[in-house]
C-alpha cells in the first residue's frame, strides 16, 4: 500500500489535512482532515509500513488490543482508498 503521487499532508494550525498537488490537483479538488491517529497512519504508510506493523506500533503506543488497532487502521485506510489517495 502506498500514497499516490501528488498527495501531501500538511499541518495547518492544530489540524492535519491531505491535499492534492500538481497533476493530482486537476482531478481531486477536495481535502481531507486527519485526526491525530489518522496522521500517524499516513506517516507510517509513507514510510512503507504494513497494516500489521502499524497495528503493532499502536498496541505499544496507545495500549489497545491488536484486533482493535487493526480494525481502526483498516477503517481509516478504507476511507483513503475510497477517496483515491492511497492504493494497495
Protein backbone atom coordinates (compact mmCIF):
# COMPACT_ATOMS: atom_id res chain seq x y z
CA UNK A 1 0.00 0.00 0.00
CA UNK A 2 1.28 3.46 -0.80
CA UNK A 3 0.25 7.07 -1.05
CA UNK A 4 -0.47 8.12 -4.60
CA UNK A 5 1.79 10.67 -6.19
CA UNK A 6 0.58 14.23 -5.82
CA UNK A 7 -0.93 13.96 -2.34
CA UNK A 8 0.69 15.58 0.67
CA UNK A 9 -0.11 16.05 4.33
CA UNK A 10 0.22 19.49 5.86
CA UNK A 11 -0.32 20.84 9.34
CA UNK A 12 -2.47 23.95 9.45
CA UNK A 13 -2.54 25.38 12.96
CA UNK A 14 -3.50 22.35 15.05
CA UNK A 15 -5.07 20.28 12.26
CA UNK A 16 -3.64 17.94 9.64
CA UNK A 17 -5.01 17.92 6.10
CA UNK A 18 -4.26 15.99 2.94
CA UNK A 19 -4.33 17.98 -0.28
CA UNK A 20 -3.61 17.26 -3.91
CA UNK A 21 -0.75 18.98 -5.69
CA UNK A 22 0.46 19.16 -9.27
CA UNK A 23 -1.38 16.93 -11.73
CA UNK A 24 -3.44 15.34 -8.97
CA UNK A 25 -4.97 18.73 -8.15
CA UNK A 26 -6.55 18.84 -11.61
CA UNK A 27 -8.85 15.95 -10.77
CA UNK A 28 -9.01 15.97 -6.97
CA UNK A 29 -10.18 19.27 -5.56
CA UNK A 30 -11.18 18.19 -2.05
CA UNK A 31 -9.08 17.97 1.06
CA UNK A 32 -9.28 15.51 3.89
CA UNK A 33 -8.81 16.45 7.51
CA UNK A 34 -6.92 13.86 9.54
CA UNK A 35 -7.16 13.38 13.27
CA UNK A 36 -4.00 12.56 15.24
CA UNK A 37 -4.41 8.81 14.75
CA UNK A 38 -5.00 9.12 11.00
CA UNK A 39 -1.99 11.42 10.75
CA UNK A 40 0.22 8.76 12.33
CA UNK A 41 -1.20 6.14 9.96
CA UNK A 42 -0.45 8.44 7.00
CA UNK A 43 3.16 8.86 8.13
CA UNK A 44 3.64 5.14 8.64
CA UNK A 45 2.19 4.32 5.20
CA UNK A 46 4.52 6.92 3.72
CA UNK A 47 7.40 5.14 5.45
CA UNK A 48 6.38 1.84 3.85
CA UNK A 49 4.84 0.17 6.87
CA UNK A 50 2.16 -2.51 6.57
CA UNK A 51 -1.14 -2.54 8.44
CA UNK A 52 0.31 -5.20 10.73
CA UNK A 53 3.37 -3.09 11.53
CA UNK A 54 1.25 -0.01 12.20
CA UNK A 55 -1.09 -2.04 14.43
CA UNK A 56 1.88 -3.30 16.46
CA UNK A 57 3.01 0.31 16.93
CA UNK A 58 -0.48 1.29 18.12
CA UNK A 59 -0.57 -1.62 20.59
CA UNK A 60 2.63 -0.32 22.18
CA UNK A 61 1.84 3.40 21.92
CA UNK A 62 -1.87 3.51 22.76
CA UNK A 63 -2.29 0.33 24.83
CA UNK A 64 -5.08 -1.11 22.68
CA UNK A 65 -5.53 -4.70 21.58
CA UNK A 66 -4.10 -5.83 18.26
CA UNK A 67 -7.61 -6.53 16.94
CA UNK A 68 -8.88 -3.06 17.89
CA UNK A 69 -5.82 -1.37 16.39
CA UNK A 70 -6.14 -3.34 13.15
CA UNK A 71 -9.87 -2.55 12.87
CA UNK A 72 -9.34 1.18 13.41
CA UNK A 73 -6.43 1.33 10.98
CA UNK A 74 -8.38 -0.54 8.31
CA UNK A 75 -11.32 1.87 8.68
CA UNK A 76 -9.07 4.87 8.05
CA UNK A 77 -7.28 3.16 5.18
CA UNK A 78 -10.58 2.23 3.53
CA UNK A 79 -11.62 5.91 3.52
CA UNK A 80 -8.30 6.93 1.96
CA UNK A 81 -8.61 4.20 -0.68
CA UNK A 82 -12.22 5.21 -1.44
CA UNK A 83 -11.04 8.82 -1.88
CA UNK A 84 -8.35 7.61 -4.27
CA UNK A 85 -5.50 8.93 -2.16
CA UNK A 86 -3.76 5.65 -1.44
CA UNK A 87 -3.57 2.41 -3.38
CA UNK A 88 -2.92 -1.15 -2.36
